[in-house]
Amino acid sequence: MSQFLDKKELFDRILLLKEDEKQYPMGVIERFFNDYRLHECRDTLWSMVETCLTTDNAEFNAPEERGNLLQRYRDFERFLEAGHLLLQEHLRGNSPALEK
């Protein structure tokens, strides 16, 4: 079993963000999209999924497991798009709820 599933209580918390990032998470999104373009994120995600599905990988043997991976890929890609839109709105000043 995965360590993330085995220790749910530990991994259901914010672990990597510093205190100031917890207070202003939009800064994390800003830095992310300053470092990575949306098309690069899509390419990286697809490369990871393609590798998992086309190599001998016991984690994705069953069709259901592969289907779950593809669904999570789609959901994560939608999350990236939403984050990108939130950042663009924030930078234009159209999202006062996300202000520092």
PDB file of N, CA and C in Angstrom:
ATOM      1  N   MET A   1       0.848  -1.181   0.000  1.00  0.00           N
ATOM      2  CA  MET A   1       0.000   0.000   0.000  1.00  0.00           C
ATOM      3  C   MET A   1       0.893   1.243   0.000  1.00  0.00           C
ATOM      4  N   SER A   2       0.426   2.266  -0.642  1.00  0.00           N
ATOM      5  CA  SER A   2       1.140   3.536  -0.728  1.00  0.00           C
ATOM      6  C   SER A   2       1.236   4.196   0.651  1.00  0.00           C
ATOM      7  N   GLN A   3       2.341   4.864   0.889  1.00  0.00           N
ATOM      8  CA  GLN A   3       2.504   5.584   2.155  1.00  0.00           C
ATOM      9  C   GLN A   3       1.432   6.659   2.313  1.00  0.00           C
ATOM     10  N   PHE A   4       0.951   7.225   1.205  1.00  0.00           N
ATOM     11  CA  PHE A   4      -0.054   8.272   1.258  1.00  0.00           C
ATOM     12  C   PHE A   4      -1.407   7.727   1.687  1.00  0.00           C
ATOM     13  N   LEU A   5      -1.697   6.482   1.319  1.00  0.00           N
ATOM     14  CA  LEU A   5      -2.941   5.849   1.735  1.00  0.00           C
ATOM     15  C   LEU A   5      -2.809   5.240   3.125  1.00  0.00           C
ATOM     16  N   ASP A   6      -1.622   4.791   3.445  1.00  0.00           N
ATOM     17  CA  ASP A   6      -1.371   4.155   4.734  1.00  0.00           C
ATOM     18  C   ASP A   6      -1.397   5.158   5.881  1.00  0.00           C
ATOM     19  N   LYS A   7      -0.967   6.387   5.637  1.00  0.00           N
ATOM     20  CA  LYS A   7      -0.905   7.430   6.681  1.00  0.00           C
ATOM     21  C   LYS A   7      -1.724   8.643   6.253  1.00  0.00           C
ATOM     22  N   LYS A   8      -3.030   8.404   6.067  1.00  0.00           N
ATOM     23  CA  LYS A   8      -3.924   9.436   5.545  1.00  0.00           C
ATOM     24  C   LYS A   8      -3.919  10.703   6.399  1.00  0.00           C
ATOM     25  N   GLU A   9      -3.923  10.542   7.703  1.00  0.00           N
ATOM     26  CA  GLU A   9      -3.992  11.700   8.596  1.00  0.00           C
ATOM     27  C   GLU A   9      -2.799  12.630   8.387  1.00  0.00           C
ATOM     28  N   LEU A  10      -1.643  12.054   8.170  1.00  0.00           N
ATOM     29  CA  LEU A  10      -0.440  12.856   7.948  1.00  0.00           C
ATOM     30  C   LEU A  10      -0.500  13.562   6.605  1.00  0.00           C
ATOM     31  N   PHE A  11      -0.870  12.843   5.567  1.00  0.00           N
ATOM     32  CA  PHE A  11      -0.792  13.385   4.221  1.00  0.00           C
ATOM     33  C   PHE A  11      -2.027  14.167   3.800  1.00  0.00           C
ATOM     34  N   ASP A  12      -3.036  14.284   4.672  1.00  0.00           N
ATOM     35  CA  ASP A  12      -4.199  15.114   4.376  1.00  0.00           C
ATOM     36  C   ASP A  12      -4.007  16.552   4.857  1.00  0.00           C
ATOM     37  N   ARG A  13      -2.819  16.876   5.275  1.00  0.00           N
ATOM     38  CA  ARG A  13      -2.513  18.221   5.765  1.00  0.00           C
ATOM     39  C   ARG A  13      -1.611  18.943   4.773  1.00  0.00           C
ATOM     40  N   ILE A  14      -1.519  20.251   4.961  1.00  0.00           N
ATOM     41  CA  ILE A  14      -0.584  21.050   4.168  1.00  0.00           C
ATOM     42  C   ILE A  14       0.804  20.769   4.738  1.00  0.00           C
ATOM     43  N   LEU A  15       1.687  20.211   3.919  1.00  0.00           N
ATOM     44  CA  LEU A  15       3.003  19.799   4.386  1.00  0.00           C
ATOM     45  C   LEU A  15       4.147  20.632   3.818  1.00  0.00           C
ATOM     46  N   LEU A  16       3.988  21.154   2.631  1.00  0.00           N
ATOM     47  CA  LEU A  16       5.116  21.782   1.948  1.00  0.00           C
ATOM     48  C   LEU A  16       5.099  23.305   1.969  1.00  0.00           C
ATOM     49  N   LEU A  17       3.943  23.902   2.185  1.00  0.00           N
ATOM     50  CA  LEU A  17       3.867  25.357   2.167  1.00  0.00           C
ATOM     51  C   LEU A  17       4.421  25.954   3.461  1.00  0.00           C
ATOM     52  N   LYS A  18       5.176  27.032   3.301  1.00  0.00           N
ATOM     53  CA  LYS A  18       5.674  27.780   4.458  1.00  0.00           C
ATOM     54  C   LYS A  18       4.520  28.592   5.024  1.00  0.00           C
ATOM     55  N   GLU A  19       4.723  29.142   6.210  1.00  0.00           N
ATOM     56  CA  GLU A  19       3.648  29.875   6.881  1.00  0.00           C
ATOM     57  C   GLU A  19       3.130  31.039   6.034  1.00  0.00           C
ATOM     58  N   ASP A  20       4.033  31.815   5.424  1.00  0.00           N
ATOM     59  CA  ASP A  20       3.586  32.941   4.597  1.00  0.00           C
ATOM     60  C   ASP A  20       2.840  32.460   3.353  1.00  0.00           C
ATOM     61  N   GLU A  21       3.194  31.298   2.840  1.00  0.00           N
ATOM     62  CA  GLU A  21       2.504  30.742   1.682  1.00  0.00           C
ATOM     63  C   GLU A  21       1.105  30.258   2.062  1.00  0.00           C
ATOM     64  N   LYS A  22       0.959  29.769   3.282  1.00  0.00           N
ATOM     65  CA  LYS A  22      -0.363  29.368   3.767  1.00  0.00           C
ATOM     66  C   LYS A  22      -1.272  30.590   3.885  1.00  0.00           C
ATOM     67  N   GLN A  23      -0.686  31.705   4.286  1.00  0.00           N
ATOM     68  CA  GLN A  23      -1.461  32.939   4.440  1.00  0.00           C
ATOM     69  C   GLN A  23      -1.819  33.549   3.084  1.00  0.00           C
ATOM     70  N   TYR A  24      -0.967  33.350   2.092  1.00  0.00           N
ATOM     71  CA  TYR A  24      -1.180  33.938   0.761  1.00  0.00           C
ATOM     72  C   TYR A  24      -0.871  32.910  -0.315  1.00  0.00           C
ATOM     73  N   PRO A  25      -1.757  31.938  -0.488  1.00  0.00           N
ATOM     74  CA  PRO A  25      -1.497  30.862  -1.449  1.00  0.00           C
ATOM     75  C   PRO A  25      -1.459  31.337  -2.899  1.00  0.00           C
ATOM     76  N   MET A  26      -2.046  32.495  -3.198  1.00  0.00           N
ATOM     77  CA  MET A  26      -1.998  33.000  -4.571  1.00  0.00           C
ATOM     78  C   MET A  26      -0.547  33.236  -4.994  1.00  0.00           C
ATOM     79  N   GLY A  27       0.331  33.565  -4.059  1.00  0.00           N
ATOM     80  CA  GLY A  27       1.748  33.741  -4.368  1.00  0.00           C
ATOM     81  C   GLY A  27       2.376  32.453  -4.879  1.00  0.00           C
ATOM     82  N   VAL A  28       1.933  31.341  -4.341  1.00  0.00           N
ATOM     83  CA  VAL A  28       2.433  30.034  -4.790  1.00  0.00           C
ATOM     84  C   VAL A  28       1.994  29.794  -6.230  1.00  0.00           C
ATOM     85  N   ILE A  29       0.738  30.104  -6.511  1.00  0.00           N
ATOM     86  CA  ILE A  29       0.234  29.940  -7.874  1.00  0.00           C
ATOM     87  C   ILE A  29       0.973  30.872  -8.822  1.00  0.00           C
ATOM     88  N   GLU A  30       1.205  32.114  -8.386  1.00  0.00           N
ATOM     89  CA  GLU A  30       1.955  33.070  -9.205  1.00  0.00           C
ATOM     90  C   GLU A  30       3.342  32.544  -9.558  1.00  0.00           C
ATOM     91  N   ARG A  31       4.066  32.083  -8.545  1.00  0.00           N
ATOM     92  CA  ARG A  31       5.416  31.570  -8.784  1.00  0.00           C
ATOM     93  C   ARG A  31       5.394  30.341  -9.685  1.00  0.00           C
ATOM     94  N   PHE A  32       4.405  29.474  -9.473  1.00  0.00           N
ATOM     95  CA  PHE A  32       4.301  28.274 -10.295  1.00  0.00           C
ATOM     96  C   PHE A  32       4.145  28.648 -11.766  1.00  0.00           C
ATOM     97  N   PHE A  33       3.203  29.544 -12.051  1.00  0.00           N
ATOM     98  CA  PHE A  33       2.952  29.896 -13.444  1.00  0.00           C
ATOM     99  C   PHE A  33       3.990  30.857 -14.006  1.00  0.00           C
ATOM    100  N   ASN A  34       4.815  31.456 -13.163  1.00  0.00           N
ATOM    101  CA  ASN A  34       5.971  32.201 -13.658  1.00  0.00           C
ATOM    102  C   ASN A  34       7.064  31.236 -14.109  1.00  0.00           C
ATOM    103  N   ASP A  35       7.156  30.098 -13.428  1.00  0.00           N
ATOM    104  CA  ASP A  35       8.180  29.107 -13.747  1.00  0.00           C
ATOM    105  C   ASP A  35       7.759  28.148 -14.860  1.00  0.00           C
ATOM    106  N   TYR A  36       6.469  27.856 -14.944  1.00  0.00           N
ATOM    107  CA  TYR A  36       5.968  26.867 -15.897  1.00  0.00           C
ATOM    108  C   TYR A  36       4.814  27.443 -16.692  1.00  0.00           C
ATOM    109  N   ARG A  37       4.878  27.304 -17.995  1.00  0.00           N
ATOM    110  CA  ARG A  37       3.764  27.716 -18.851  1.00  0.00           C
ATOM    111  C   ARG A  37       2.732  26.598 -18.859  1.00  0.00           C
ATOM    112  N   LEU A  38       1.503  26.966 -19.149  1.00  0.00           N
ATOM    113  CA  LEU A  38       0.412  25.998 -19.139  1.00  0.00           C
ATOM    114  C   LEU A  38       0.673  24.854 -20.120  1.00  0.00           C
ATOM    115  N   HIS A  39       1.180  25.158 -21.291  1.00  0.00           N
ATOM    116  CA  HIS A  39       1.448  24.089 -22.269  1.00  0.00           C
ATOM    117  C   HIS A  39       2.554  23.144 -21.779  1.00  0.00           C
ATOM    118  N   GLU A  40       3.513  23.667 -21.012  1.00  0.00           N
ATOM    119  CA  GLU A  40       4.566  22.798 -20.444  1.00  0.00           C
ATOM    120  C   GLU A  40       3.980  21.860 -19.401  1.00  0.00           C
ATOM    121  N   CYS A  41       3.049  22.366 -18.599  1.00  0.00           N
ATOM    122  CA  CYS A  41       2.402  21.525 -17.585  1.00  0.00           C
ATOM    123  C   CYS A  41       1.621  20.399 -18.239  1.00  0.00           C
ATOM    124  N   ARG A  42       0.896  20.735 -19.300  1.00  0.00           N
ATOM    125  CA  ARG A  42       0.136  19.708 -20.016  1.00  0.00           C
ATOM    126  C   ARG A  42       1.076  18.637 -20.575  1.00  0.00           C
ATOM    127  N   ASP A  43       2.188  19.083 -21.148  1.00  0.00           N
ATOM    128  CA  ASP A  43       3.150  18.152 -21.732  1.00  0.00           C
ATOM    129  C   ASP A  43       3.745  17.238 -20.663  1.00  0.00           C
ATOM    130  N   THR A  44       4.122  17.805 -19.537  1.00  0.00           N
ATOM    131  CA  THR A  44       4.709  17.011 -18.450  1.00  0.00           C
ATOM    132  C   THR A  44       3.705  16.016 -17.899  1.00  0.00           C
ATOM    133  N   LEU A  45       2.490  16.479 -17.657  1.00  0.00           N
ATOM    134  CA  LEU A  45       1.455  15.574 -17.158  1.00  0.00           C
ATOM    135  C   LEU A  45       1.216  14.422 -18.128  1.00  0.00           C
ATOM    136  N   TRP A  46       1.105  14.758 -19.418  1.00  0.00           N
ATOM    137  CA  TRP A  46       0.842  13.710 -20.395  1.00  0.00           C
ATOM    138  C   TRP A  46       2.000  12.725 -20.463  1.00  0.00           C
ATOM    139  N   SER A  47       3.229  13.220 -20.367  1.00  0.00           N
ATOM    140  CA  SER A  47       4.402  12.332 -20.388  1.00  0.00           C
ATOM    141  C   SER A  47       4.365  11.362 -19.215  1.00  0.00           C
ATOM    142  N   MET A  48       3.956  11.852 -18.039  1.00  0.00           N
ATOM    143  CA  MET A  48       3.872  10.977 -16.864  1.00  0.00           C
ATOM    144  C   MET A  48       2.797   9.915 -17.066  1.00  0.00           C
ATOM    145  N   VAL A  49       1.628  10.332 -17.542  1.00  0.00           N
ATOM    146  CA  VAL A  49       0.540   9.379 -17.752  1.00  0.00           C
ATOM    147  C   VAL A  49       0.920   8.368 -18.830  1.00  0.00           C
ATOM    148  N   GLU A  50       1.475   8.862 -19.924  1.00  0.00           N
ATOM    149  CA  GLU A  50       1.868   7.977 -21.020  1.00  0.00           C
ATOM    150  C   GLU A  50       2.899   6.951 -20.556  1.00  0.00           C
ATOM    151  N   THR A  51       3.861   7.390 -19.759  1.00  0.00           N
ATOM    152  CA  THR A  51       4.879   6.473 -19.234  1.00  0.00           C
ATOM    153  C   THR A  51       4.240   5.406 -18.353  1.00  0.00           C
ATOM    154  N   CYS A  52       3.329   5.823 -17.490  1.00  0.00           N
ATOM    155  CA  CYS A  52       2.667   4.859 -16.605  1.00  0.00           C
ATOM    156  C   CYS A  52       1.866   3.826 -17.385  1.00  0.00           C
ATOM    157  N   LEU A  53       1.247   4.263 -18.455  1.00  0.00           N
ATOM    158  CA  LEU A  53       0.362   3.368 -19.197  1.00  0.00           C
ATOM    159  C   LEU A  53       1.065   2.529 -20.255  1.00  0.00           C
ATOM    160  N   THR A  54       2.255   2.934 -20.676  1.00  0.00           N
ATOM    161  CA  THR A  54       2.916   2.214 -21.771  1.00  0.00           C
ATOM    162  C   THR A  54       4.132   1.419 -21.336  1.00  0.00           C
ATOM    163  N   THR A  55       4.483   1.474 -20.067  1.00  0.00           N
ATOM    164  CA  THR A  55       5.599   0.677 -19.576  1.00  0.00           C
ATOM    165  C   THR A  55       5.059  -0.422 -18.669  1.00  0.00           C
ATOM    166  N   ASP A  56       5.895  -1.378 -18.376  1.00  0.00           N
ATOM    167  CA  ASP A  56       5.506  -2.472 -17.493  1.00  0.00           C
ATOM    168  C   ASP A  56       5.423  -1.944 -16.071  1.00  0.00           C
ATOM    169  N   ASN A  57       4.216  -1.615 -15.651  1.00  0.00           N
ATOM    170  CA  ASN A  57       4.006  -0.979 -14.358  1.00  0.00           C
ATOM    171  C   ASN A  57       2.850  -1.685 -13.660  1.00  0.00           C
ATOM    172  N   ALA A  58       3.146  -2.366 -12.588  1.00  0.00           N
ATOM    173  CA  ALA A  58       2.137  -3.155 -11.876  1.00  0.00           C
ATOM    174  C   ALA A  58       1.008  -2.286 -11.316  1.00  0.00           C
ATOM    175  N   GLU A  59       1.286  -1.035 -11.057  1.00  0.00           N
ATOM    176  CA  GLU A  59       0.268  -0.145 -10.501  1.00  0.00           C
ATOM    177  C   GLU A  59      -0.897   0.082 -11.456  1.00  0.00           C
ATOM    178  N   PHE A  60      -0.665  -0.049 -12.748  1.00  0.00           N
ATOM    179  CA  PHE A  60      -1.692   0.262 -13.728  1.00  0.00           C
ATOM    180  C   PHE A  60      -1.968  -0.927 -14.648  1.00  0.00           C
ATOM    181  N   ASN A  61      -1.954  -2.131 -14.084  1.00  0.00           N
ATOM    182  CA  ASN A  61      -2.215  -3.352 -14.853  1.00  0.00           C
ATOM    183  C   ASN A  61      -3.656  -3.443 -15.309  1.00  0.00           C
ATOM    184  N   ALA A  62      -4.564  -3.149 -14.412  1.00  0.00           N
ATOM    185  CA  ALA A  62      -5.990  -3.342 -14.693  1.00  0.00           C
ATOM    186  C   ALA A  62      -6.566  -2.142 -15.436  1.00  0.00           C
ATOM    187  N   PRO A  63      -7.529  -2.403 -16.324  1.00  0.00           N
ATOM    188  CA  PRO A  63      -8.172  -1.301 -17.045  1.00  0.00           C
ATOM    189  C   PRO A  63      -8.774  -0.245 -16.119  1.00  0.00           C
ATOM    190  N   GLU A  64      -9.329  -0.676 -14.993  1.00  0.00           N
ATOM    191  CA  GLU A  64      -9.921   0.271 -14.043  1.00  0.00           C
ATOM    192  C   GLU A  64      -8.859   1.215 -13.475  1.00  0.00           C
ATOM    193  N   GLU A  65      -7.684   0.679 -13.155  1.00  0.00           N
ATOM    194  CA  GLU A  65      -6.595   1.514 -12.631  1.00  0.00           C
ATOM    195  C   GLU A  65      -6.132   2.519 -13.681  1.00  0.00           C
ATOM    196  N   ARG A  66      -6.053   2.075 -14.938  1.00  0.00           N
ATOM    197  CA  ARG A  66      -5.665   2.989 -16.019  1.00  0.00           C
ATOM    198  C   ARG A  66      -6.724   4.059 -16.226  1.00  0.00           C
ATOM    199  N   GLY A  67      -7.982   3.661 -16.146  1.00  0.00           N
ATOM    200  CA  GLY A  67      -9.080   4.624 -16.274  1.00  0.00           C
ATOM    201  C   GLY A  67      -9.051   5.669 -15.164  1.00  0.00           C
ATOM    202  N   ASN A  68      -8.769   5.207 -13.952  1.00  0.00           N
ATOM    203  CA  ASN A  68      -8.658   6.140 -12.824  1.00  0.00           C
ATOM    204  C   ASN A  68      -7.520   7.124 -13.043  1.00  0.00           C
ATOM    205  N   LEU A  69      -6.392   6.638 -13.537  1.00  0.00           N
ATOM    206  CA  LEU A  69      -5.254   7.514 -13.807  1.00  0.00           C
ATOM    207  C   LEU A  69      -5.620   8.570 -14.851  1.00  0.00           C
ATOM    208  N   LEU A  70      -6.284   8.147 -15.911  1.00  0.00           N
ATOM    209  CA  LEU A  70      -6.682   9.098 -16.951  1.00  0.00           C
ATOM    210  C   LEU A  70      -7.680  10.125 -16.422  1.00  0.00           C
ATOM    211  N   GLN A  71      -8.606   9.695 -15.566  1.00  0.00           N
ATOM    212  CA  GLN A  71      -9.565  10.634 -14.989  1.00  0.00           C
ATOM    213  C   GLN A  71      -8.858  11.645 -14.090  1.00  0.00           C
ATOM    214  N   ARG A  72      -7.925  11.173 -13.291  1.00  0.00           N
ATOM    215  CA  ARG A  72      -7.168  12.092 -12.422  1.00  0.00           C
ATOM    216  C   ARG A  72      -6.333  13.061 -13.254  1.00  0.00           C
ATOM    217  N   TYR A  73      -5.808  12.579 -14.365  1.00  0.00           N
ATOM    218  CA  TYR A  73      -5.070  13.452 -15.278  1.00  0.00           C
ATOM    219  C   TYR A  73      -5.986  14.574 -15.768  1.00  0.00           C
ATOM    220  N   ARG A  74      -7.165  14.207 -16.223  1.00  0.00           N
ATOM    221  CA  ARG A  74      -8.120  15.212 -16.720  1.00  0.00           C
ATOM    222  C   ARG A  74      -8.480  16.205 -15.619  1.00  0.00           C
ATOM    223  N   ASP A  75      -8.735  15.683 -14.428  1.00  0.00           N
ATOM    224  CA  ASP A  75      -9.092  16.558 -13.306  1.00  0.00           C
ATOM    225  C   ASP A  75      -7.949  17.492 -12.935  1.00  0.00           C
ATOM    226  N   PHE A  76      -6.727  16.981 -12.943  1.00  0.00           N
ATOM    227  CA  PHE A  76      -5.576  17.818 -12.606  1.00  0.00           C
ATOM    228  C   PHE A  76      -5.348  18.873 -13.680  1.00  0.00           C
ATOM    229  N   GLU A  77      -5.570  18.516 -14.928  1.00  0.00           N
ATOM    230  CA  GLU A  77      -5.422  19.488 -16.009  1.00  0.00           C
ATOM    231  C   GLU A  77      -6.467  20.592 -15.859  1.00  0.00           C
ATOM    232  N   ARG A  78      -7.687  20.240 -15.483  1.00  0.00           N
ATOM    233  CA  ARG A  78      -8.726  21.246 -15.235  1.00  0.00           C
ATOM    234  C   ARG A  78      -8.333  22.129 -14.054  1.00  0.00           C
ATOM    235  N   PHE A  79      -7.743  21.536 -13.018  1.00  0.00           N
ATOM    236  CA  PHE A  79      -7.258  22.290 -11.862  1.00  0.00           C
ATOM    237  C   PHE A  79      -6.196  23.307 -12.294  1.00  0.00           C
ATOM    238  N   LEU A  80      -5.273  22.872 -13.149  1.00  0.00           N
ATOM    239  CA  LEU A  80      -4.251  23.791 -13.657  1.00  0.00           C
ATOM    240  C   LEU A  80      -4.883  24.953 -14.416  1.00  0.00           C
ATOM    241  N   GLU A  81      -5.873  24.654 -15.245  1.00  0.00           N
ATOM    242  CA  GLU A  81      -6.535  25.716 -15.988  1.00  0.00           C
ATOM    243  C   GLU A  81      -7.223  26.696 -15.039  1.00  0.00           C
ATOM    244  N   ALA A  82      -7.887  26.173 -14.015  1.00  0.00           N
ATOM    245  CA  ALA A  82      -8.556  27.046 -13.046  1.00  0.00           C
ATOM    246  C   ALA A  82      -7.534  27.905 -12.306  1.00  0.00           C
ATOM    247  N   GLY A  83      -6.417  27.311 -11.911  1.00  0.00           N
ATOM    248  CA  GLY A  83      -5.359  28.075 -11.243  1.00  0.00           C
ATOM    249  C   GLY A  83      -4.802  29.154 -12.138  1.00  0.00           C
ATOM    250  N   HIS A  84      -4.632  28.824 -13.406  1.00  0.00           N
ATOM    251  CA  HIS A  84      -4.138  29.794 -14.377  1.00  0.00           C
ATOM    252  C   HIS A  84      -5.125  30.959 -14.512  1.00  0.00           C
ATOM    253  N   LEU A  85      -6.426  30.653 -14.616  1.00  0.00           N
ATOM    254  CA  LEU A  85      -7.443  31.700 -14.712  1.00  0.00           C
ATOM    255  C   LEU A  85      -7.499  32.556 -13.449  1.00  0.00           C
ATOM    256  N   LEU A  86      -7.423  31.920 -12.287  1.00  0.00           N
ATOM    257  CA  LEU A  86      -7.419  32.667 -11.024  1.00  0.00           C
ATOM    258  C   LEU A  86      -6.251  33.637 -10.971  1.00  0.00           C
ATOM    259  N   LEU A  87      -5.103  33.180 -11.399  1.00  0.00           N
ATOM    260  CA  LEU A  87      -3.933  34.043 -11.397  1.00  0.00           C
ATOM    261  C   LEU A  87      -4.125  35.212 -12.349  1.00  0.00           C
ATOM    262  N   GLN A  88      -4.640  34.945 -13.554  1.00  0.00           N
ATOM    263  CA  GLN A  88      -4.851  36.026 -14.511  1.00  0.00           C
ATOM    264  C   GLN A  88      -5.838  37.060 -13.959  1.00  0.00           C
ATOM    265  N   GLU A  89      -6.926  36.605 -13.338  1.00  0.00           N
ATOM    266  CA  GLU A  89      -7.899  37.517 -12.719  1.00  0.00           C
ATOM    267  C   GLU A  89      -7.246  38.319 -11.604  1.00  0.00           C
ATOM    268  N   HIS A  90      -6.461  37.639 -10.808  1.00  0.00           N
ATOM    269  CA  HIS A  90      -5.780  38.289  -9.686  1.00  0.00           C
ATOM    270  C   HIS A  90      -4.833  39.382 -10.191  1.00  0.00           C
ATOM    271  N   LEU A  91      -4.070  39.067 -11.223  1.00  0.00           N
ATOM    272  CA  LEU A  91      -3.106  40.019 -11.750  1.00  0.00           C
ATOM    273  C   LEU A  91      -3.801  41.221 -12.398  1.00  0.00           C
ATOM    274  N   ARG A  92      -4.990  41.019 -12.923  1.00  0.00           N
ATOM    275  CA  ARG A  92      -5.762  42.121 -13.496  1.00  0.00           C
ATOM    276  C   ARG A  92      -6.513  42.903 -12.429  1.00  0.00           C
ATOM    277  N   GLY A  93      -6.493  42.384 -11.192  1.00  0.00           N
ATOM    278  CA  GLY A  93      -7.193  43.057 -10.101  1.00  0.00           C
ATOM    279  C   GLY A  93      -8.683  42.784 -10.061  1.00  0.00           C
ATOM    280  N   ASN A  94      -9.124  41.694 -10.667  1.00  0.00           N
ATOM    281  CA  ASN A  94     -10.548  41.371 -10.717  1.00  0.00           C
ATOM    282  C   ASN A  94     -10.994  40.389  -9.652  1.00  0.00           C
ATOM    283  N   SER A  95     -10.141  40.094  -8.696  1.00  0.00           N
ATOM    284  CA  SER A  95     -10.528  39.104  -7.682  1.00  0.00           C
ATOM    285  C   SER A  95     -10.147  39.608  -6.293  1.00  0.00           C
ATOM    286  N   PRO A  96     -10.921  40.542  -5.738  1.00  0.00           N
ATOM    287  CA  PRO A  96     -10.579  41.124  -4.434  1.00  0.00           C
ATOM    288  C   PRO A  96     -10.543  40.101  -3.306  1.00  0.00           C
ATOM    289  N   ALA A  97     -11.288  39.008  -3.435  1.00  0.00           N
ATOM    290  CA  ALA A  97     -11.304  37.987  -2.378  1.00  0.00           C
ATOM    291  C   ALA A  97      -9.936  37.304  -2.268  1.00  0.00           C
ATOM    292  N   LEU A  98      -9.117  37.388  -3.315  1.00  0.00           N
ATOM    293  CA  LEU A  98      -7.832  36.725  -3.307  1.00  0.00           C
ATOM    294  C   LEU A  98      -6.698  37.684  -3.015  1.00  0.00           C
ATOM    295  N   GLU A  99      -7.007  38.915  -2.677  1.00  0.00           N
ATOM    296  CA  GLU A  99      -5.968  39.903  -2.398  1.00  0.00           C
ATOM    297  C   GLU A  99      -5.211  39.552  -1.133  1.00  0.00           C
ATOM    298  N   LYS A 100      -4.005  40.003  -1.069  1.00  0.00           N
ATOM    299  CA  LYS A 100      -3.134  39.786   0.076  1.00  0.00           C
ATOM    300  C   LYS A 100      -3.707  40.434   1.312  1.00  0.00           C
TER     301      LYS A 100
END
